[in-house]
C-alpha atoms as a PDB file:
ATOM      1  CA  UNK A   1    -119.788  23.970-170.447  1.00  0.00           C
ATOM      2  CA  UNK A   2    -118.108  26.933-172.410  1.00  0.00           C
ATOM      3  CA  UNK A   3    -121.343  26.889-174.530  1.00  0.00           C
ATOM      4  CA  UNK A   4    -124.145  26.984-172.289  1.00  0.00           C
ATOM      5  CA  UNK A   5    -127.201  29.125-173.400  1.00  0.00           C
ATOM      6  CA  UNK A   6    -126.392  30.733-169.949  1.00  0.00           C
ATOM      7  CA  UNK A   7    -123.216  32.214-171.622  1.00  0.00           C
ATOM      8  CA  UNK A   8    -123.896  32.660-174.957  1.00  0.00           C
ATOM      9  CA  UNK A   9    -124.590  36.602-174.831  1.00  0.00           C
ATOM     10  CA  UNK A  10    -121.273  37.056-172.438  1.00  0.00           C
ATOM     11  CA  UNK A  11    -118.944  35.151-174.931  1.00  0.00           C
ATOM     12  CA  UNK A  12    -120.039  37.022-178.231  1.00  0.00           C
ATOM     13  CA  UNK A  13    -119.407  39.807-176.538  1.00  0.00           C
ATOM     14  CA  UNK A  14    -116.283  39.031-174.814  1.00  0.00           C
ATOM     15  CA  UNK A  15    -115.433  37.978-178.099  1.00  0.00           C
ATOM     16  CA  UNK A  16    -116.056  40.714-179.735  1.00  0.00           C
ATOM     17  CA  UNK A  17    -115.164  43.255-177.234  1.00  0.00           C
ATOM     18  CA  UNK A  18    -111.420  41.448-176.779  1.00  0.00           C
ATOM     19  CA  UNK A  19    -110.972  41.135-180.901  1.00  0.00           C
ATOM     20  CA  UNK A  20    -111.175  45.312-181.151  1.00  0.00           C
ATOM     21  CA  UNK A  21    -109.173  45.905-177.772  1.00  0.00           C
ATOM     22  CA  UNK A  22    -105.963  43.920-179.260  1.00  0.00           C
ATOM     23  CA  UNK A  23    -106.831  45.570-183.137  1.00  0.00           C
ATOM     24  CA  UNK A  24    -106.812  49.155-181.575  1.00  0.00           C
ATOM     25  CA  UNK A  25    -103.688  48.591-179.326  1.00  0.00           C
ATOM     26  CA  UNK A  26    -101.258  46.913-181.785  1.00  0.00           C
ATOM     27  CA  UNK A  27    -102.763  49.270-184.453  1.00  0.00           C
ATOM     28  CA  UNK A  28    -102.080  52.359-182.653  1.00  0.00           C
ATOM     29  CA  UNK A  29     -98.328  51.333-182.008  1.00  0.00           C
ATOM     30  CA  UNK A  30     -97.834  50.077-185.563  1.00  0.00           C
ATOM     31  CA  UNK A  31     -99.078  53.907-186.456  1.00  0.00           C
ATOM     32  CA  UNK A  32     -96.678  55.419-185.129  1.00  0.00           C
ATOM     33  CA  UNK A  33     -94.281  54.432-187.700  1.00  0.00           C
ATOM     34  CA  UNK A  34     -96.414  54.247-190.180  1.00  0.00           C
ATOM     35  CA  UNK A  35     -97.795  57.972-189.991  1.00  0.00           C
ATOM     36  CA  UNK A  36     -94.592  58.797-189.770  1.00  0.00           C
ATOM     37  CA  UNK A  37     -92.860  57.175-192.508  1.00  0.00           C
ATOM     38  CA  UNK A  38     -96.259  58.106-194.267  1.00  0.00           C
ATOM     39  CA  UNK A  39     -95.697  61.887-193.894  1.00  0.00           C
ATOM     40  CA  UNK A  40     -93.107  62.200-196.643  1.00  0.00           C
ATOM     41  CA  UNK A  41     -95.004  60.795-199.318  1.00  0.00           C
ATOM     42  CA  UNK A  42     -98.393  61.637-198.492  1.00  0.00           C
ATOM     43  CA  UNK A  43     -98.442  64.837-196.579  1.00  0.00           C
ATOM     44  CA  UNK A  44     -97.256  68.110-198.255  1.00  0.00           C
ATOM     45  CA  UNK A  45     -93.908  68.548-196.160  1.00  0.00           C
ATOM     46  CA  UNK A  46     -90.873  66.768-196.594  1.00  0.00           C
ATOM     47  CA  UNK A  47     -88.191  65.420-194.631  1.00  0.00           C
ATOM     48  CA  UNK A  48     -85.036  67.411-194.882  1.00  0.00           C
ATOM     49  CA  UNK A  49     -82.673  63.876-194.964  1.00  0.00           C
ATOM     50  CA  UNK A  50     -83.080  60.204-194.137  1.00  0.00           C
ATOM     51  CA  UNK A  51     -80.948  60.655-191.127  1.00  0.00           C
ATOM     52  CA  UNK A  52     -83.339  63.410-190.064  1.00  0.00           C
ATOM     53  CA  UNK A  53     -86.555  61.110-190.773  1.00  0.00           C
ATOM     54  CA  UNK A  54     -84.918  58.041-188.297  1.00  0.00           C
ATOM     55  CA  UNK A  55     -83.912  60.065-185.852  1.00  0.00           C
ATOM     56  CA  UNK A  56     -87.421  61.323-185.612  1.00  0.00           C
ATOM     57  CA  UNK A  57     -89.382  58.388-185.615  1.00  0.00           C
ATOM     58  CA  UNK A  58     -87.044  56.848-183.075  1.00  0.00           C
ATOM     59  CA  UNK A  59     -87.941  59.959-180.751  1.00  0.00           C
ATOM     60  CA  UNK A  60     -92.088  59.041-181.503  1.00  0.00           C
ATOM     61  CA  UNK A  61     -91.622  55.887-180.847  1.00  0.00           C
ATOM     62  CA  UNK A  62     -89.981  56.024-177.528  1.00  0.00           C
ATOM     63  CA  UNK A  63     -92.535  59.202-176.542  1.00  0.00           C
ATOM     64  CA  UNK A  64     -95.276  56.906-176.840  1.00  0.00           C
ATOM     65  CA  UNK A  65     -94.156  53.773-175.775  1.00  0.00           C
ATOM     66  CA  UNK A  66     -94.201  56.251-172.298  1.00  0.00           C
ATOM     67  CA  UNK A  67     -97.806  56.240-172.996  1.00  0.00           C
ATOM     68  CA  UNK A  68     -98.271  52.283-171.058  1.00  0.00           C
ATOM     69  CA  UNK A  69     -97.074  53.757-167.609  1.00  0.00           C
ATOM     70  CA  UNK A  70    -100.032  56.205-167.609  1.00  0.00           C
ATOM     71  CA  UNK A  71    -102.484  53.699-169.145  1.00  0.00           C
ATOM     72  CA  UNK A  72    -101.260  51.362-166.699  1.00  0.00           C
ATOM     73  CA  UNK A  73    -101.972  54.216-163.663  1.00  0.00           C
ATOM     74  CA  UNK A  74    -105.551  55.237-165.492  1.00  0.00           C
ATOM     75  CA  UNK A  75    -106.660  51.406-165.662  1.00  0.00           C
ATOM     76  CA  UNK A  76    -105.846  51.188-161.467  1.00  0.00           C
ATOM     77  CA  UNK A  77    -107.174  54.002-160.503  1.00  0.00           C
ATOM     78  CA  UNK A  78    -110.457  54.063-162.283  1.00  0.00           C
ATOM     79  CA  UNK A  79    -111.067  49.736-162.111  1.00  0.00           C
ATOM     80  CA  UNK A  80    -112.437  49.356-158.541  1.00  0.00           C
ATOM     81  CA  UNK A  81    -113.561  52.764-158.183  1.00  0.00           C
ATOM     82  CA  UNK A  82    -116.282  53.706-161.459  1.00  0.00           C
ATOM     83  CA  UNK A  83    -116.258  49.465-161.975  1.00  0.00           C
ATOM     84  CA  UNK A  84    -114.987  47.492-164.819  1.00  0.00           C
ATOM     85  CA  UNK A  85    -118.105  48.332-167.264  1.00  0.00           C
ATOM     86  CA  UNK A  86    -117.582  52.028-167.007  1.00  0.00           C
ATOM     87  CA  UNK A  87    -113.799  52.211-167.294  1.00  0.00           C
ATOM     88  CA  UNK A  88    -114.146  50.576-170.330  1.00  0.00           C
ATOM     89  CA  UNK A  89    -116.549  53.166-171.903  1.00  0.00           C
ATOM     90  CA  UNK A  90    -114.718  55.879-170.436  1.00  0.00           C
ATOM     91  CA  UNK A  91    -111.156  55.334-171.744  1.00  0.00           C
ATOM     92  CA  UNK A  92    -112.325  53.609-175.002  1.00  0.00           C
ATOM     93  CA  UNK A  93    -114.344  57.176-175.638  1.00  0.00           C
ATOM     94  CA  UNK A  94    -111.218  59.489-174.966  1.00  0.00           C
ATOM     95  CA  UNK A  95    -109.332  56.631-177.191  1.00  0.00           C
ATOM     96  CA  UNK A  96    -112.081  57.879-180.389  1.00  0.00           C
ATOM     97  CA  UNK A  97    -111.307  61.450-179.417  1.00  0.00           C
ATOM     98  CA  UNK A  98    -107.456  60.955-179.362  1.00  0.00           C
ATOM     99  CA  UNK A  99    -107.724  59.437-183.004  1.00  0.00           C
ATOM    100  CA  UNK A 100    -110.023  61.269-184.651  1.00  0.00           C
ATOM    101  CA  UNK A 101    -108.054  64.184-185.615  1.00  0.00           C
ATOM    102  CA  UNK A 102    -105.284  61.910-187.135  1.00  0.00           C
ATOM    103  CA  UNK A 103    -107.778  61.297-189.980  1.00  0.00           C
ATOM    104  CA  UNK A 104    -106.391  64.538-191.331  1.00  0.00           C
ATOM    105  CA  UNK A 105    -102.529  64.949-191.449  1.00  0.00           C
ATOM    106  CA  UNK A 106    -101.487  67.154-188.382  1.00  0.00           C
ATOM    107  CA  UNK A 107     -98.174  68.430-187.213  1.00  0.00           C
ATOM    108  CA  UNK A 108     -95.412  65.682-186.229  1.00  0.00           C
ATOM    109  CA  UNK A 109     -95.427  67.001-182.281  1.00  0.00           C
ATOM    110  CA  UNK A 110     -99.437  67.418-182.655  1.00  0.00           C
ATOM    111  CA  UNK A 111     -99.478  63.698-183.946  1.00  0.00           C
ATOM    112  CA  UNK A 112     -97.029  62.625-181.622  1.00  0.00           C
ATOM    113  CA  UNK A 113     -99.096  64.027-178.454  1.00  0.00           C
ATOM    114  CA  UNK A 114    -102.379  62.593-179.738  1.00  0.00           C
ATOM    115  CA  UNK A 115    -100.751  58.785-180.651  1.00  0.00           C
ATOM    116  CA  UNK A 116     -99.651  59.249-176.787  1.00  0.00           C
ATOM    117  CA  UNK A 117    -103.367  59.973-175.553  1.00  0.00           C
ATOM    118  CA  UNK A 118    -104.421  57.177-177.791  1.00  0.00           C
ATOM    119  CA  UNK A 119    -101.836  54.478-176.720  1.00  0.00           C
ATOM    120  CA  UNK A 120    -102.428  55.111-173.015  1.00  0.00           C
ATOM    121  CA  UNK A 121    -106.238  54.657-173.581  1.00  0.00           C
ATOM    122  CA  UNK A 122    -105.642  51.664-175.296  1.00  0.00           C
ATOM    123  CA  UNK A 123    -103.169  50.042-172.351  1.00  0.00           C
ATOM    124  CA  UNK A 124    -105.648  50.590-170.034  1.00  0.00           C
ATOM    125  CA  UNK A 125    -108.865  49.580-171.972  1.00  0.00           C
ATOM    126  CA  UNK A 126    -106.922  45.942-172.630  1.00  0.00           C
ATOM    127  CA  UNK A 127    -105.570  46.134-169.161  1.00  0.00           C
ATOM    128  CA  UNK A 128    -109.150  46.297-167.292  1.00  0.00           C
ATOM    129  CA  UNK A 129    -110.133  43.569-170.039  1.00  0.00           C
ATOM    130  CA  UNK A 130    -108.209  40.966-168.920  1.00  0.00           C
ATOM    131  CA  UNK A 131    -109.290  41.563-165.032  1.00  0.00           C
ATOM    132  CA  UNK A 132    -112.748  41.125-166.283  1.00  0.00           C
ATOM    133  CA  UNK A 133    -112.907  38.349-168.645  1.00  0.00           C
ATOM    134  CA  UNK A 134    -112.108  35.730-165.836  1.00  0.00           C
ATOM    135  CA  UNK A 135    -114.456  37.801-163.461  1.00  0.00           C
ATOM    136  CA  UNK A 136    -117.549  37.062-165.938  1.00  0.00           C
ATOM    137  CA  UNK A 137    -116.643  33.288-166.429  1.00  0.00           C
ATOM    138  CA  UNK A 138    -117.603  30.360-164.265  1.00  0.00           C
ATOM    139  CA  UNK A 139    -115.206  28.818-162.225  1.00  0.00           C
ATOM    140  CA  UNK A 140    -115.711  25.634-164.301  1.00  0.00           C
ATOM    141  CA  UNK A 141    -114.822  27.339-167.515  1.00  0.00           C
ATOM    142  CA  UNK A 142    -112.735  30.180-166.446  1.00  0.00           C
ATOM    143  CA  UNK A 143    -109.329  29.228-167.736  1.00  0.00           C
ATOM    144  CA  UNK A 144    -111.142  27.765-171.389  1.00  0.00           C
ATOM    145  CA  UNK A 145    -113.147  30.757-171.957  1.00  0.00           C
ATOM    146  CA  UNK A 146    -110.449  33.525-171.223  1.00  0.00           C
ATOM    147  CA  UNK A 147    -108.014  31.388-172.967  1.00  0.00           C
ATOM    148  CA  UNK A 148    -110.292  31.493-175.756  1.00  0.00           C
ATOM    149  CA  UNK A 149    -110.846  34.934-175.913  1.00  0.00           C
ATOM    150  CA  UNK A 150    -108.005  35.922-175.873  1.00  0.00           C
ATOM    151  CA  UNK A 151    -107.128  33.639-178.942  1.00  0.00           C
ATOM    152  CA  UNK A 152    -109.975  35.371-180.704  1.00  0.00           C
ATOM    153  CA  UNK A 153    -107.578  39.014-179.746  1.00  0.00           C
ATOM    154  CA  UNK A 154    -104.730  37.756-181.303  1.00  0.00           C
ATOM    155  CA  UNK A 155    -106.993  37.437-184.477  1.00  0.00           C
ATOM    156  CA  UNK A 156    -107.302  41.106-184.230  1.00  0.00           C
ATOM    157  CA  UNK A 157    -103.819  41.195-183.570  1.00  0.00           C
ATOM    158  CA  UNK A 158    -103.085  39.470-187.064  1.00  0.00           C
ATOM    159  CA  UNK A 159    -105.453  41.826-189.111  1.00  0.00           C
ATOM    160  CA  UNK A 160    -104.235  45.099-187.607  1.00  0.00           C
ATOM    161  CA  UNK A 161    -101.514  45.264-190.007  1.00  0.00           C
ATOM    162  CA  UNK A 162    -103.860  45.495-193.047  1.00  0.00           C
ATOM    163  CA  UNK A 163    -105.079  48.810-191.774  1.00  0.00           C
ATOM    164  CA  UNK A 164    -101.903  50.316-190.229  1.00  0.00           C
ATOM    165  CA  UNK A 165     -99.818  49.287-192.890  1.00  0.00           C
ATOM    166  CA  UNK A 166    -101.674  48.823-196.157  1.00  0.00           C
ATOM    167  CA  UNK A 167    -104.147  51.679-195.719  1.00  0.00           C
ATOM    168  CA  UNK A 168    -101.527  54.350-194.272  1.00  0.00           C
ATOM    169  CA  UNK A 169     -98.706  53.692-196.579  1.00  0.00           C
ATOM    170  CA  UNK A 170    -101.237  53.773-199.621  1.00  0.00           C
ATOM    171  CA  UNK A 171    -102.286  57.234-198.574  1.00  0.00           C
ATOM    172  CA  UNK A 172    -105.810  56.033-196.966  1.00  0.00           C
ATOM    173  CA  UNK A 173    -105.108  57.596-193.892  1.00  0.00           C
ATOM    174  CA  UNK A 174    -108.783  59.015-193.517  1.00  0.00           C
ATOM    175  CA  UNK A 175    -110.088  55.732-193.756  1.00  0.00           C
ATOM    176  CA  UNK A 176    -107.595  53.617-191.655  1.00  0.00           C
ATOM    177  CA  UNK A 177    -108.125  56.156-188.600  1.00  0.00           C
ATOM    178  CA  UNK A 178    -112.160  56.201-189.353  1.00  0.00           C
ATOM    179  CA  UNK A 179    -111.676  52.441-188.909  1.00  0.00           C
ATOM    180  CA  UNK A 180    -110.166  52.084-185.921  1.00  0.00           C
ATOM    181  CA  UNK A 181    -112.740  54.587-183.988  1.00  0.00           C
ATOM    182  CA  UNK A 182    -115.015  52.169-185.646  1.00  0.00           C
ATOM    183  CA  UNK A 183    -114.095  49.523-183.848  1.00  0.00           C
ATOM    184  CA  UNK A 184    -112.979  51.077-180.943  1.00  0.00           C
ATOM    185  CA  UNK A 185    -116.711  52.366-180.858  1.00  0.00           C
ATOM    186  CA  UNK A 186    -118.081  48.821-181.419  1.00  0.00           C
ATOM    187  CA  UNK A 187    -115.753  47.504-178.213  1.00  0.00           C
ATOM    188  CA  UNK A 188    -117.472  50.064-176.134  1.00  0.00           C
ATOM    189  CA  UNK A 189    -120.867  49.216-177.140  1.00  0.00           C
ATOM    190  CA  UNK A 190    -120.116  45.522-176.099  1.00  0.00           C
ATOM    191  CA  UNK A 191    -119.104  47.007-172.686  1.00  0.00           C
ATOM    192  CA  UNK A 192    -122.262  48.689-172.272  1.00  0.00           C
ATOM    193  CA  UNK A 193    -124.046  45.837-173.275  1.00  0.00           C
ATOM    194  CA  UNK A 194    -121.674  43.045-170.742  1.00  0.00           C
ATOM    195  CA  UNK A 195    -124.274  41.192-168.645  1.00  0.00           C
ATOM    196  CA  UNK A 196    -123.131  42.597-165.328  1.00  0.00           C
ATOM    197  CA  UNK A 197    -120.603  44.794-162.879  1.00  0.00           C
ATOM    198  CA  UNK A 198    -118.259  42.347-161.618  1.00  0.00           C
ATOM    199  CA  UNK A 199    -116.637  45.002-159.113  1.00  0.00           C
ATOM    200  CA  UNK A 200    -117.502  43.826-155.835  1.00  0.00           C
ATOM    201  CA  UNK A 201    -119.197  40.715-156.861  1.00  0.00           C
ATOM    202  CA  UNK A 202    -118.723  37.094-156.070  1.00  0.00           C
ATOM    203  CA  UNK A 203    -117.004  34.823-158.571  1.00  0.00           C
ATOM    204  CA  UNK A 204    -119.590  32.671-160.118  1.00  0.00           C
ATOM    205  CA  UNK A 205    -118.731  29.035-159.253  1.00  0.00           C
ATOM    206  CA  UNK A 206    -120.931  27.080-161.564  1.00  0.00           C
ATOM    207  CA  UNK A 207    -122.472  27.737-165.134  1.00  0.00           C
ATOM    208  CA  UNK A 208    -126.043  27.213-164.237  1.00  0.00           C
ATOM    209  CA  UNK A 209    -126.921  30.352-161.926  1.00  0.00           C
ATOM    210  CA  UNK A 210    -130.516  30.729-160.277  1.00  0.00           C
ATOM    211  CA  UNK A 211    -132.789  33.574-161.167  1.00  0.00           C
ATOM    212  CA  UNK A 212    -132.305  34.909-157.966  1.00  0.00           C
ATOM    213  CA  UNK A 213    -128.521  34.896-157.980  1.00  0.00           C
ATOM    214  CA  UNK A 214    -128.301  36.582-161.270  1.00  0.00           C
ATOM    215  CA  UNK A 215    -131.109  39.048-160.135  1.00  0.00           C
ATOM    216  CA  UNK A 216    -128.904  40.188-157.379  1.00  0.00           C
ATOM    217  CA  UNK A 217    -125.661  40.499-159.539  1.00  0.00           C
ATOM    218  CA  UNK A 218    -127.785  42.595-162.334  1.00  0.00           C
ATOM    219  CA  UNK A 219    -129.159  44.692-159.403  1.00  0.00           C
ATOM    220  CA  UNK A 220    -126.078  45.145-157.940  1.00  0.00           C
END
């Protein structure tokens, strides 16, 4: 039932979306420490002492961790006002904007600020994803569908260290950031192509949806 023809497009889009969201979210978290540690090796500015490097790293991690709260607040404000799909598109676009300058070496303060904004948007997107996902699955396959989608997302969580750790520490920061931006853009495209907006709609009870009902949902 999960792989019925009515759900094929939804499943493929949702899997890609979850993969990209989890990949980007955990990747941005990892970038905080990786960019700080790679600055002394790849950048032009050297750290004065190991103690200063450690202190700065802890401060950066603490500051960017605070981005979780405004990310949750942003998603809560937007999700029921402008809808799920538009919320995805807006906050993923903002995430790309925050990440793009990091393709080039920036000052420590600006790097922390940009990572704060990117993590805030990534947190908002992944929060709304776990709202939207169950809403587009019929009741009969909802638990299985969201479970499989979450598992696909975890694959993204397994792969991201190869980018954040491998590319950045080997002084390929530009390539790493561009890859993250490409994945986020792909997630935004998936959000745009989702079959319908679930804001204010009744959840579907069965896999088989009548054409009149489907047309009504799409029209709304």
